[in-house]
Amino acid sequence: GTTYYADSVKGRFTTSRDNAKNTVYLQMNSLKPEDTAVY
């Protein structure tokens, strides 16, 4: 579960895994206009 975050999102974004649901999440808080992109 070691996780890397880019400096631009550190402290605002959180990645988590739910292997039972075969799903990974990206929680994005304190969003900024510069976060606008296709993910």
Full PDB file with SEQRES, HELIX, SHEET, SSBOND, CRYST1, ORIGX, SCALE, CONECT and MASTER records, all heavy atoms in Angstrom:
SEQRES   1 A   39  GLY THR THR TYR TYR ALA ASP SER VAL LYS GLY ARG PHE          
SEQRES   2 A   39  THR THR SER ARG ASP ASN ALA LYS ASN THR VAL TYR LEU          
SEQRES   3 A   39  GLN MET ASN SER LEU LYS PRO GLU ASP THR ALA VAL TYR          
HELIX    1 AA1 ASN A   19  LYS A   21  5                                   3    
HELIX    2 AA2 PRO A   33  ASP A   35  5                                   3    
SHEET    1 AA1 2 PHE A  13  ASP A  18  0                                        
SHEET    2 AA1 2 THR A  23  MET A  28 -1                                        
CRYST1    1.000    1.000    1.000  90.00  90.00  90.00 P 1           1          
ORIGX1      1.000000  0.000000  0.000000        0.00000                         
ORIGX2      0.000000  1.000000  0.000000        0.00000                         
ORIGX3      0.000000  0.000000  1.000000        0.00000                         
SCALE1      1.000000  0.000000  0.000000        0.00000                         
SCALE2      0.000000  1.000000  0.000000        0.00000                         
SCALE3      0.000000  0.000000  1.000000        0.00000                         
ATOM      1  N   GLY A   1       0.783  -1.224   0.000  1.00  0.00           N  
ATOM      2  CA  GLY A   1       0.000   0.000   0.000  1.00  0.00           C  
ATOM      3  C   GLY A   1       0.811   1.269   0.000  1.00  0.00           C  
ATOM      4  O   GLY A   1       0.257   2.367   0.178  1.00  0.00           O  
ATOM      5  N   THR A   2       2.094   1.150  -0.218  1.00  0.00           N  
ATOM      6  CA  THR A   2       2.919   2.351  -0.311  1.00  0.00           C  
ATOM      7  C   THR A   2       2.373   3.259  -1.399  1.00  0.00           C  
ATOM      8  O   THR A   2       2.085   2.811  -2.514  1.00  0.00           O  
ATOM      9  CB  THR A   2       4.378   1.990  -0.633  1.00  0.00           C  
ATOM     10  OG1 THR A   2       4.887   1.157   0.402  1.00  0.00           O  
ATOM     11  CG2 THR A   2       5.231   3.244  -0.730  1.00  0.00           C  
ATOM     12  N   THR A   3       2.229   4.520  -1.070  1.00  0.00           N  
ATOM     13  CA  THR A   3       1.598   5.462  -1.998  1.00  0.00           C  
ATOM     14  C   THR A   3       2.497   6.657  -2.231  1.00  0.00           C  
ATOM     15  O   THR A   3       3.075   7.204  -1.284  1.00  0.00           O  
ATOM     16  CB  THR A   3       0.241   5.936  -1.449  1.00  0.00           C  
ATOM     17  OG1 THR A   3      -0.565   4.811  -1.102  1.00  0.00           O  
ATOM     18  CG2 THR A   3      -0.500   6.764  -2.502  1.00  0.00           C  
ATOM     19  N   TYR A   4       2.584   7.034  -3.470  1.00  0.00           N  
ATOM     20  CA  TYR A   4       3.320   8.231  -3.871  1.00  0.00           C  
ATOM     21  C   TYR A   4       2.316   9.294  -4.303  1.00  0.00           C  
ATOM     22  O   TYR A   4       1.309   8.970  -4.937  1.00  0.00           O  
ATOM     23  CB  TYR A   4       4.255   7.912  -5.030  1.00  0.00           C  
ATOM     24  CG  TYR A   4       4.715   9.141  -5.783  1.00  0.00           C  
ATOM     25  CD1 TYR A   4       5.751   9.924  -5.299  1.00  0.00           C  
ATOM     26  CD2 TYR A   4       4.079   9.539  -6.952  1.00  0.00           C  
ATOM     27  CE1 TYR A   4       6.161  11.058  -5.980  1.00  0.00           C  
ATOM     28  CE2 TYR A   4       4.478  10.667  -7.640  1.00  0.00           C  
ATOM     29  CZ  TYR A   4       5.519  11.422  -7.153  1.00  0.00           C  
ATOM     30  OH  TYR A   4       5.915  12.544  -7.820  1.00  0.00           O  
ATOM     31  N   TYR A   5       2.601  10.538  -3.933  1.00  0.00           N  
ATOM     32  CA  TYR A   5       1.803  11.670  -4.393  1.00  0.00           C  
ATOM     33  C   TYR A   5       2.721  12.715  -5.016  1.00  0.00           C  
ATOM     34  O   TYR A   5       3.799  13.009  -4.477  1.00  0.00           O  
ATOM     35  CB  TYR A   5       1.040  12.320  -3.238  1.00  0.00           C  
ATOM     36  CG  TYR A   5       0.012  11.420  -2.589  1.00  0.00           C  
ATOM     37  CD1 TYR A   5       0.298  10.721  -1.427  1.00  0.00           C  
ATOM     38  CD2 TYR A   5      -1.248  11.263  -3.168  1.00  0.00           C  
ATOM     39  CE1 TYR A   5      -0.641   9.893  -0.842  1.00  0.00           C  
ATOM     40  CE2 TYR A   5      -2.200  10.441  -2.582  1.00  0.00           C  
ATOM     41  CZ  TYR A   5      -1.881   9.762  -1.420  1.00  0.00           C  
ATOM     42  OH  TYR A   5      -2.823   8.941  -0.852  1.00  0.00           O  
ATOM     43  N   ALA A   6       2.282  13.269  -6.108  1.00  0.00           N  
ATOM     44  CA  ALA A   6       3.002  14.391  -6.682  1.00  0.00           C  
ATOM     45  C   ALA A   6       2.944  15.572  -5.718  1.00  0.00           C  
ATOM     46  O   ALA A   6       1.962  15.736  -4.974  1.00  0.00           O  
ATOM     47  CB  ALA A   6       2.386  14.776  -8.023  1.00  0.00           C  
ATOM     48  N   ASP A   7       3.971  16.384  -5.733  1.00  0.00           N  
ATOM     49  CA  ASP A   7       4.010  17.541  -4.834  1.00  0.00           C  
ATOM     50  C   ASP A   7       2.806  18.448  -5.030  1.00  0.00           C  
ATOM     51  O   ASP A   7       2.327  19.069  -4.081  1.00  0.00           O  
ATOM     52  CB  ASP A   7       5.299  18.332  -5.071  1.00  0.00           C  
ATOM     53  CG  ASP A   7       6.526  17.622  -4.526  1.00  0.00           C  
ATOM     54  OD1 ASP A   7       6.376  16.694  -3.718  1.00  0.00           O  
ATOM     55  OD2 ASP A   7       7.646  18.006  -4.924  1.00  0.00           O  
ATOM     56  N   SER A   8       2.309  18.505  -6.252  1.00  0.00           N  
ATOM     57  CA  SER A   8       1.211  19.415  -6.558  1.00  0.00           C  
ATOM     58  C   SER A   8      -0.101  19.015  -5.892  1.00  0.00           C  
ATOM     59  O   SER A   8      -1.017  19.833  -5.783  1.00  0.00           O  
ATOM     60  CB  SER A   8       1.011  19.489  -8.084  1.00  0.00           C  
ATOM     61  OG  SER A   8       0.781  18.194  -8.614  1.00  0.00           O  
ATOM     62  N   VAL A   9      -0.194  17.773  -5.431  1.00  0.00           N  
ATOM     63  CA  VAL A   9      -1.451  17.309  -4.830  1.00  0.00           C  
ATOM     64  C   VAL A   9      -1.267  16.805  -3.406  1.00  0.00           C  
ATOM     65  O   VAL A   9      -2.253  16.470  -2.733  1.00  0.00           O  
ATOM     66  CB  VAL A   9      -2.100  16.188  -5.668  1.00  0.00           C  
ATOM     67  CG1 VAL A   9      -2.282  16.634  -7.115  1.00  0.00           C  
ATOM     68  CG2 VAL A   9      -1.292  14.893  -5.601  1.00  0.00           C  
ATOM     69  N   LYS A  10      -0.046  16.750  -2.941  1.00  0.00           N  
ATOM     70  CA  LYS A  10       0.233  16.201  -1.619  1.00  0.00           C  
ATOM     71  C   LYS A  10      -0.514  16.994  -0.555  1.00  0.00           C  
ATOM     72  O   LYS A  10      -0.521  18.225  -0.556  1.00  0.00           O  
ATOM     73  CB  LYS A  10       1.740  16.237  -1.362  1.00  0.00           C  
ATOM     74  CG  LYS A  10       2.227  15.320  -0.275  1.00  0.00           C  
ATOM     75  CD  LYS A  10       3.746  15.314  -0.219  1.00  0.00           C  
ATOM     76  CE  LYS A  10       4.350  14.695  -1.467  1.00  0.00           C  
ATOM     77  NZ  LYS A  10       5.829  14.635  -1.402  1.00  0.00           N  
ATOM     78  N   GLY A  11      -1.157  16.260   0.328  1.00  0.00           N  
ATOM     79  CA  GLY A  11      -1.932  16.900   1.388  1.00  0.00           C  
ATOM     80  C   GLY A  11      -3.367  17.204   0.995  1.00  0.00           C  
ATOM     81  O   GLY A  11      -4.192  17.537   1.851  1.00  0.00           O  
ATOM     82  N   ARG A  12      -3.668  17.101  -0.290  1.00  0.00           N  
ATOM     83  CA  ARG A  12      -5.034  17.382  -0.758  1.00  0.00           C  
ATOM     84  C   ARG A  12      -5.706  16.137  -1.342  1.00  0.00           C  
ATOM     85  O   ARG A  12      -6.922  15.993  -1.227  1.00  0.00           O  
ATOM     86  CB  ARG A  12      -5.002  18.474  -1.840  1.00  0.00           C  
ATOM     87  CG  ARG A  12      -4.429  19.787  -1.353  1.00  0.00           C  
ATOM     88  CD  ARG A  12      -4.585  20.891  -2.399  1.00  0.00           C  
ATOM     89  NE  ARG A  12      -3.868  20.583  -3.640  1.00  0.00           N  
ATOM     90  CZ  ARG A  12      -4.458  20.484  -4.832  1.00  0.00           C  
ATOM     91  NH1 ARG A  12      -5.771  20.652  -4.956  1.00  0.00           N  
ATOM     92  NH2 ARG A  12      -3.734  20.215  -5.914  1.00  0.00           N  
ATOM     93  N   PHE A  13      -4.917  15.276  -1.953  1.00  0.00           N  
ATOM     94  CA  PHE A  13      -5.461  14.076  -2.596  1.00  0.00           C  
ATOM     95  C   PHE A  13      -5.088  12.851  -1.770  1.00  0.00           C  
ATOM     96  O   PHE A  13      -3.995  12.778  -1.196  1.00  0.00           O  
ATOM     97  CB  PHE A  13      -4.901  13.903  -4.003  1.00  0.00           C  
ATOM     98  CG  PHE A  13      -5.391  14.898  -5.020  1.00  0.00           C  
ATOM     99  CD1 PHE A  13      -6.102  16.034  -4.651  1.00  0.00           C  
ATOM    100  CD2 PHE A  13      -5.135  14.694  -6.364  1.00  0.00           C  
ATOM    101  CE1 PHE A  13      -6.544  16.958  -5.588  1.00  0.00           C  
ATOM    102  CE2 PHE A  13      -5.579  15.596  -7.325  1.00  0.00           C  
ATOM    103  CZ  PHE A  13      -6.280  16.726  -6.926  1.00  0.00           C  
ATOM    104  N   THR A  14      -5.971  11.863  -1.766  1.00  0.00           N  
ATOM    105  CA  THR A  14      -5.720  10.606  -1.070  1.00  0.00           C  
ATOM    106  C   THR A  14      -6.169   9.447  -1.944  1.00  0.00           C  
ATOM    107  O   THR A  14      -7.307   9.440  -2.432  1.00  0.00           O  
ATOM    108  CB  THR A  14      -6.473  10.548   0.268  1.00  0.00           C  
ATOM    109  OG1 THR A  14      -6.098  11.661   1.081  1.00  0.00           O  
ATOM    110  CG2 THR A  14      -6.143   9.254   1.005  1.00  0.00           C  
ATOM    111  N   THR A  15      -5.264   8.488  -2.118  1.00  0.00           N  
ATOM    112  CA  THR A  15      -5.586   7.279  -2.872  1.00  0.00           C  
ATOM    113  C   THR A  15      -5.865   6.148  -1.898  1.00  0.00           C  
ATOM    114  O   THR A  15      -5.148   5.979  -0.911  1.00  0.00           O  
ATOM    115  CB  THR A  15      -4.419   6.903  -3.787  1.00  0.00           C  
ATOM    116  OG1 THR A  15      -4.272   7.914  -4.787  1.00  0.00           O  
ATOM    117  CG2 THR A  15      -4.665   5.568  -4.477  1.00  0.00           C  
ATOM    118  N   SER A  16      -6.890   5.380  -2.197  1.00  0.00           N  
ATOM    119  CA  SER A  16      -7.185   4.222  -1.369  1.00  0.00           C  
ATOM    120  C   SER A  16      -7.625   3.067  -2.264  1.00  0.00           C  
ATOM    121  O   SER A  16      -8.097   3.279  -3.377  1.00  0.00           O  
ATOM    122  CB  SER A  16      -8.279   4.547  -0.350  1.00  0.00           C  
ATOM    123  OG  SER A  16      -9.480   4.948  -0.994  1.00  0.00           O  
ATOM    124  N   ARG A  17      -7.453   1.867  -1.766  1.00  0.00           N  
ATOM    125  CA  ARG A  17      -7.805   0.669  -2.508  1.00  0.00           C  
ATOM    126  C   ARG A  17      -8.852  -0.104  -1.730  1.00  0.00           C  
ATOM    127  O   ARG A  17      -8.761  -0.225  -0.515  1.00  0.00           O  
ATOM    128  CB  ARG A  17      -6.609  -0.257  -2.713  1.00  0.00           C  
ATOM    129  CG  ARG A  17      -5.344   0.333  -3.181  1.00  0.00           C  
ATOM    130  CD  ARG A  17      -4.263  -0.722  -3.326  1.00  0.00           C  
ATOM    131  NE  ARG A  17      -4.669  -1.776  -4.229  1.00  0.00           N  
ATOM    132  CZ  ARG A  17      -3.977  -2.159  -5.298  1.00  0.00           C  
ATOM    133  NH1 ARG A  17      -2.847  -1.544  -5.587  1.00  0.00           N  
ATOM    134  NH2 ARG A  17      -4.404  -3.135  -6.063  1.00  0.00           N  
ATOM    135  N   ASP A  18      -9.809  -0.656  -2.455  1.00  0.00           N  
ATOM    136  CA  ASP A  18     -10.744  -1.611  -1.888  1.00  0.00           C  
ATOM    137  C   ASP A  18     -10.668  -2.846  -2.783  1.00  0.00           C  
ATOM    138  O   ASP A  18     -11.398  -2.975  -3.770  1.00  0.00           O  
ATOM    139  CB  ASP A  18     -12.168  -1.045  -1.856  1.00  0.00           C  
ATOM    140  CG  ASP A  18     -13.135  -1.949  -1.113  1.00  0.00           C  
ATOM    141  OD1 ASP A  18     -12.846  -3.168  -0.993  1.00  0.00           O  
ATOM    142  OD2 ASP A  18     -14.179  -1.462  -0.671  1.00  0.00           O  
ATOM    143  N   ASN A  19      -9.765  -3.733  -2.442  1.00  0.00           N  
ATOM    144  CA  ASN A  19      -9.529  -4.895  -3.298  1.00  0.00           C  
ATOM    145  C   ASN A  19     -10.742  -5.810  -3.362  1.00  0.00           C  
ATOM    146  O   ASN A  19     -10.960  -6.490  -4.364  1.00  0.00           O  
ATOM    147  CB  ASN A  19      -8.305  -5.665  -2.818  1.00  0.00           C  
ATOM    148  CG  ASN A  19      -7.016  -4.912  -3.077  1.00  0.00           C  
ATOM    149  OD1 ASN A  19      -6.915  -4.120  -4.014  1.00  0.00           O  
ATOM    150  ND2 ASN A  19      -6.022  -5.132  -2.229  1.00  0.00           N  
ATOM    151  N   ALA A  20     -11.545  -5.812  -2.309  1.00  0.00           N  
ATOM    152  CA  ALA A  20     -12.745  -6.645  -2.316  1.00  0.00           C  
ATOM    153  C   ALA A  20     -13.733  -6.181  -3.387  1.00  0.00           C  
ATOM    154  O   ALA A  20     -14.494  -6.984  -3.927  1.00  0.00           O  
ATOM    155  CB  ALA A  20     -13.406  -6.633  -0.946  1.00  0.00           C  
ATOM    156  N   LYS A  21     -13.700  -4.877  -3.678  1.00  0.00           N  
ATOM    157  CA  LYS A  21     -14.575  -4.309  -4.707  1.00  0.00           C  
ATOM    158  C   LYS A  21     -13.846  -4.086  -6.017  1.00  0.00           C  
ATOM    159  O   LYS A  21     -14.420  -3.525  -6.949  1.00  0.00           O  
ATOM    160  CB  LYS A  21     -15.174  -2.989  -4.217  1.00  0.00           C  
ATOM    161  CG  LYS A  21     -16.109  -3.135  -3.034  1.00  0.00           C  
ATOM    162  CD  LYS A  21     -16.731  -1.793  -2.663  1.00  0.00           C  
ATOM    163  CE  LYS A  21     -17.719  -1.941  -1.512  1.00  0.00           C  
ATOM    164  NZ  LYS A  21     -18.322  -0.637  -1.124  1.00  0.00           N  
ATOM    165  N   ASN A  22     -12.592  -4.502  -6.069  1.00  0.00           N  
ATOM    166  CA  ASN A  22     -11.777  -4.288  -7.285  1.00  0.00           C  
ATOM    167  C   ASN A  22     -11.802  -2.830  -7.709  1.00  0.00           C  
ATOM    168  O   ASN A  22     -11.878  -2.512  -8.910  1.00  0.00           O  
ATOM    169  CB  ASN A  22     -12.277  -5.161  -8.440  1.00  0.00           C  
ATOM    170  CG  ASN A  22     -12.058  -6.627  -8.178  1.00  0.00           C  
ATOM    171  OD1 ASN A  22     -11.059  -7.011  -7.589  1.00  0.00           O  
ATOM    172  ND2 ASN A  22     -12.994  -7.449  -8.610  1.00  0.00           N  
ATOM    173  N   THR A  23     -11.687  -1.943  -6.750  1.00  0.00           N  
ATOM    174  CA  THR A  23     -11.804  -0.513  -7.030  1.00  0.00           C  
ATOM    175  C   THR A  23     -10.730   0.268  -6.280  1.00  0.00           C  
ATOM    176  O   THR A  23     -10.400  -0.055  -5.139  1.00  0.00           O  
ATOM    177  CB  THR A  23     -13.199   0.008  -6.627  1.00  0.00           C  
ATOM    178  OG1 THR A  23     -14.200  -0.731  -7.332  1.00  0.00           O  
ATOM    179  CG2 THR A  23     -13.348   1.492  -6.971  1.00  0.00           C  
ATOM    180  N   VAL A  24     -10.217   1.273  -6.952  1.00  0.00           N  
ATOM    181  CA  VAL A  24      -9.279   2.211  -6.348  1.00  0.00           C  
ATOM    182  C   VAL A  24      -9.913   3.590  -6.436  1.00  0.00           C  
ATOM    183  O   VAL A  24     -10.547   3.939  -7.433  1.00  0.00           O  
ATOM    184  CB  VAL A  24      -7.927   2.183  -7.072  1.00  0.00           C  
ATOM    185  CG1 VAL A  24      -6.979   3.222  -6.484  1.00  0.00           C  
ATOM    186  CG2 VAL A  24      -7.316   0.792  -6.994  1.00  0.00           C  
ATOM    187  N   TYR A  25      -9.710   4.365  -5.378  1.00  0.00           N  
ATOM    188  CA  TYR A  25     -10.329   5.682  -5.294  1.00  0.00           C  
ATOM    189  C   TYR A  25      -9.262   6.770  -5.233  1.00  0.00           C  
ATOM    190  O   TYR A  25      -8.168   6.563  -4.705  1.00  0.00           O  
ATOM    191  CB  TYR A  25     -11.217   5.780  -4.055  1.00  0.00           C  
ATOM    192  CG  TYR A  25     -12.283   4.732  -3.979  1.00  0.00           C  
ATOM    193  CD1 TYR A  25     -12.099   3.577  -3.232  1.00  0.00           C  
ATOM    194  CD2 TYR A  25     -13.480   4.881  -4.679  1.00  0.00           C  
ATOM    195  CE1 TYR A  25     -13.079   2.602  -3.158  1.00  0.00           C  
ATOM    196  CE2 TYR A  25     -14.473   3.904  -4.616  1.00  0.00           C  
ATOM    197  CZ  TYR A  25     -14.258   2.775  -3.861  1.00  0.00           C  
ATOM    198  OH  TYR A  25     -15.243   1.809  -3.804  1.00  0.00           O  
ATOM    199  N   LEU A  26      -9.630   7.928  -5.751  1.00  0.00           N  
ATOM    200  CA  LEU A  26      -8.805   9.127  -5.589  1.00  0.00           C  
ATOM    201  C   LEU A  26      -9.706  10.198  -5.001  1.00  0.00           C  
ATOM    202  O   LEU A  26     -10.563  10.745  -5.687  1.00  0.00           O  
ATOM    203  CB  LEU A  26      -8.222   9.588  -6.928  1.00  0.00           C  
ATOM    204  CG  LEU A  26      -7.310  10.809  -6.845  1.00  0.00           C  
ATOM    205  CD1 LEU A  26      -6.030  10.474  -6.082  1.00  0.00           C  
ATOM    206  CD2 LEU A  26      -6.974  11.343  -8.238  1.00  0.00           C  
ATOM    207  N   GLN A  27      -9.524  10.454  -3.712  1.00  0.00           N  
ATOM    208  CA  GLN A  27     -10.268  11.503  -3.040  1.00  0.00           C  
ATOM    209  C   GLN A  27      -9.530  12.815  -3.242  1.00  0.00           C  
ATOM    210  O   GLN A  27      -8.354  12.926  -2.867  1.00  0.00           O  
ATOM    211  CB  GLN A  27     -10.415  11.200  -1.550  1.00  0.00           C  
ATOM    212  CG  GLN A  27     -11.133  12.276  -0.759  1.00  0.00           C  
ATOM    213  CD  GLN A  27     -12.602  12.392  -1.136  1.00  0.00           C  
ATOM    214  OE1 GLN A  27     -13.293  11.385  -1.278  1.00  0.00           O  
ATOM    215  NE2 GLN A  27     -13.088  13.631  -1.274  1.00  0.00           N  
ATOM    216  N   MET A  28     -10.210  13.777  -3.812  1.00  0.00           N  
ATOM    217  CA  MET A  28      -9.582  15.058  -4.131  1.00  0.00           C  
ATOM    218  C   MET A  28     -10.279  16.157  -3.359  1.00  0.00           C  
ATOM    219  O   MET A  28     -11.466  16.414  -3.566  1.00  0.00           O  
ATOM    220  CB  MET A  28      -9.669  15.326  -5.642  1.00  0.00           C  
ATOM    221  CG  MET A  28      -9.098  14.211  -6.498  1.00  0.00           C  
ATOM    222  SD  MET A  28      -9.055  14.597  -8.257  1.00  0.00           S  
ATOM    223  CE  MET A  28     -10.798  14.764  -8.598  1.00  0.00           C  
ATOM    224  N   ASN A  29      -9.533  16.775  -2.469  1.00  0.00           N  
ATOM    225  CA  ASN A  29     -10.059  17.863  -1.651  1.00  0.00           C  
ATOM    226  C   ASN A  29      -9.341  19.160  -1.985  1.00  0.00           C  
ATOM    227  O   ASN A  29      -8.274  19.155  -2.601  1.00  0.00           O  
ATOM    228  CB  ASN A  29      -9.895  17.537  -0.169  1.00  0.00           C  
ATOM    229  CG  ASN A  29     -10.648  16.294   0.265  1.00  0.00           C  
ATOM    230  OD1 ASN A  29     -11.717  15.980  -0.264  1.00  0.00           O  
ATOM    231  ND2 ASN A  29     -10.086  15.574   1.220  1.00  0.00           N  
ATOM    232  N   SER A  30      -9.933  20.256  -1.547  1.00  0.00           N  
ATOM    233  CA  SER A  30      -9.336  21.579  -1.757  1.00  0.00           C  
ATOM    234  C   SER A  30      -8.910  21.771  -3.211  1.00  0.00           C  
ATOM    235  O   SER A  30      -7.789  22.206  -3.504  1.00  0.00           O  
ATOM    236  CB  SER A  30      -8.135  21.775  -0.822  1.00  0.00           C  
ATOM    237  OG  SER A  30      -8.503  21.623   0.516  1.00  0.00           O  
ATOM    238  N   LEU A  31      -9.802  21.449  -4.097  1.00  0.00           N  
ATOM    239  CA  LEU A  31      -9.472  21.493  -5.523  1.00  0.00           C  
ATOM    240  C   LEU A  31      -9.181  22.911  -5.990  1.00  0.00           C  
ATOM    241  O   LEU A  31      -9.782  23.883  -5.507  1.00  0.00           O  
ATOM    242  CB  LEU A  31     -10.606  20.881  -6.336  1.00  0.00           C  
ATOM    243  CG  LEU A  31     -10.630  19.342  -6.313  1.00  0.00           C  
ATOM    244  CD1 LEU A  31     -11.988  18.806  -6.730  1.00  0.00           C  
ATOM    245  CD2 LEU A  31      -9.531  18.787  -7.200  1.00  0.00           C  
ATOM    246  N   LYS A  32      -8.265  22.993  -6.934  1.00  0.00           N  
ATOM    247  CA  LYS A  32      -7.827  24.259  -7.494  1.00  0.00           C  
ATOM    248  C   LYS A  32      -8.082  24.258  -9.002  1.00  0.00           C  
ATOM    249  O   LYS A  32      -8.133  23.188  -9.627  1.00  0.00           O  
ATOM    250  CB  LYS A  32      -6.329  24.457  -7.241  1.00  0.00           C  
ATOM    251  CG  LYS A  32      -5.911  24.365  -5.793  1.00  0.00           C  
ATOM    252  CD  LYS A  32      -4.393  24.447  -5.663  1.00  0.00           C  
ATOM    253  CE  LYS A  32      -3.945  24.339  -4.218  1.00  0.00           C  
ATOM    254  NZ  LYS A  32      -2.452  24.412  -4.092  1.00  0.00           N  
ATOM    255  N   PRO A  33      -8.185  25.420  -9.603  1.00  0.00           N  
ATOM    256  CA  PRO A  33      -8.371  25.455 -11.058  1.00  0.00           C  
ATOM    257  C   PRO A  33      -7.282  24.705 -11.820  1.00  0.00           C  
ATOM    258  O   PRO A  33      -7.553  24.095 -12.858  1.00  0.00           O  
ATOM    259  CB  PRO A  33      -8.345  26.959 -11.368  1.00  0.00           C  
ATOM    260  CG  PRO A  33      -8.853  27.594 -10.113  1.00  0.00           C  
ATOM    261  CD  PRO A  33      -8.312  26.751  -9.000  1.00  0.00           C  
ATOM    262  N   GLU A  34      -6.075  24.716 -11.289  1.00  0.00           N  
ATOM    263  CA  GLU A  34      -4.979  24.006 -11.968  1.00  0.00           C  
ATOM    264  C   GLU A  34      -5.100  22.492 -11.874  1.00  0.00           C  
ATOM    265  O   GLU A  34      -4.308  21.770 -12.485  1.00  0.00           O  
ATOM    266  CB  GLU A  34      -3.625  24.464 -11.433  1.00  0.00           C  
ATOM    267  CG  GLU A  34      -3.478  24.428  -9.926  1.00  0.00           C  
ATOM    268  CD  GLU A  34      -3.755  25.780  -9.283  1.00  0.00           C  
ATOM    269  OE1 GLU A  34      -4.731  26.472  -9.696  1.00  0.00           O  
ATOM    270  OE2 GLU A  34      -2.996  26.148  -8.341  1.00  0.00           O  
ATOM    271  N   ASP A  35      -6.058  21.989 -11.123  1.00  0.00           N  
ATOM    272  CA  ASP A  35      -6.325  20.550 -11.096  1.00  0.00           C  
ATOM    273  C   ASP A  35      -7.199  20.118 -12.275  1.00  0.00           C  
ATOM    274  O   ASP A  35      -7.425  18.923 -12.476  1.00  0.00           O  
ATOM    275  CB  ASP A  35      -7.026  20.153  -9.796  1.00  0.00           C  
ATOM    276  CG  ASP A  35      -6.151  20.345  -8.573  1.00  0.00           C  
ATOM    277  OD1 ASP A  35      -4.951  20.021  -8.642  1.00  0.00           O  
ATOM    278  OD2 ASP A  35      -6.674  20.825  -7.539  1.00  0.00           O  
ATOM    279  N   THR A  36      -7.691  21.069 -13.031  1.00  0.00           N  
ATOM    280  CA  THR A  36      -8.535  20.756 -14.182  1.00  0.00           C  
ATOM    281  C   THR A  36      -7.756  19.931 -15.200  1.00  0.00           C  
ATOM    282  O   THR A  36      -6.670  20.336 -15.641  1.00  0.00           O  
ATOM    283  CB  THR A  36      -9.043  22.052 -14.834  1.00  0.00           C  
ATOM    284  OG1 THR A  36      -9.889  22.744 -13.910  1.00  0.00           O  
ATOM    285  CG2 THR A  36      -9.821  21.739 -16.114  1.00  0.00           C  
ATOM    286  N   ALA A  37      -8.304  18.777 -15.545  1.00  0.00           N  
ATOM    287  CA  ALA A  37      -7.641  17.858 -16.467  1.00  0.00           C  
ATOM    288  C   ALA A  37      -8.540  16.654 -16.689  1.00  0.00           C  
ATOM    289  O   ALA A  37      -9.549  16.478 -15.993  1.00  0.00           O  
ATOM    290  CB  ALA A  37      -6.292  17.399 -15.904  1.00  0.00           C  
ATOM    291  N   VAL A  38      -8.141  15.831 -17.635  1.00  0.00           N  
ATOM    292  CA  VAL A  38      -8.723  14.492 -17.747  1.00  0.00           C  
ATOM    293  C   VAL A  38      -7.881  13.568 -16.873  1.00  0.00           C  
ATOM    294  O   VAL A  38      -6.652  13.549 -16.978  1.00  0.00           O  
ATOM    295  CB  VAL A  38      -8.731  13.992 -19.199  1.00  0.00           C  
ATOM    296  CG1 VAL A  38      -9.310  12.579 -19.266  1.00  0.00           C  
ATOM    297  CG2 VAL A  38      -9.546  14.940 -20.081  1.00  0.00           C  
ATOM    298  N   TYR A  39      -8.562  12.845 -16.012  1.00  0.00           N  
ATOM    299  CA  TYR A  39      -7.887  11.950 -15.081  1.00  0.00           C  
ATOM    300  C   TYR A  39      -8.049  10.503 -15.550  1.00  0.00           C  
ATOM    301  O   TYR A  39      -9.148  10.069 -15.912  1.00  0.00           O  
ATOM    302  CB  TYR A  39      -8.467  12.110 -13.679  1.00  0.00           C  
ATOM    303  CG  TYR A  39      -7.996  13.359 -12.982  1.00  0.00           C  
ATOM    304  CD1 TYR A  39      -8.421  14.617 -13.399  1.00  0.00           C  
ATOM    305  CD2 TYR A  39      -7.106  13.291 -11.917  1.00  0.00           C  
ATOM    306  CE1 TYR A  39      -7.974  15.775 -12.786  1.00  0.00           C  
ATOM    307  CE2 TYR A  39      -6.657  14.453 -11.283  1.00  0.00           C  
ATOM    308  CZ  TYR A  39      -7.090  15.672 -11.729  1.00  0.00           C  
ATOM    309  OH  TYR A  39      -6.639  16.807 -11.106  1.00  0.00           O  
TER     310      TYR A  39                                                      
MASTER        0    0    0    2    2    0    0    6  309    1    0    3          
END                                                                             
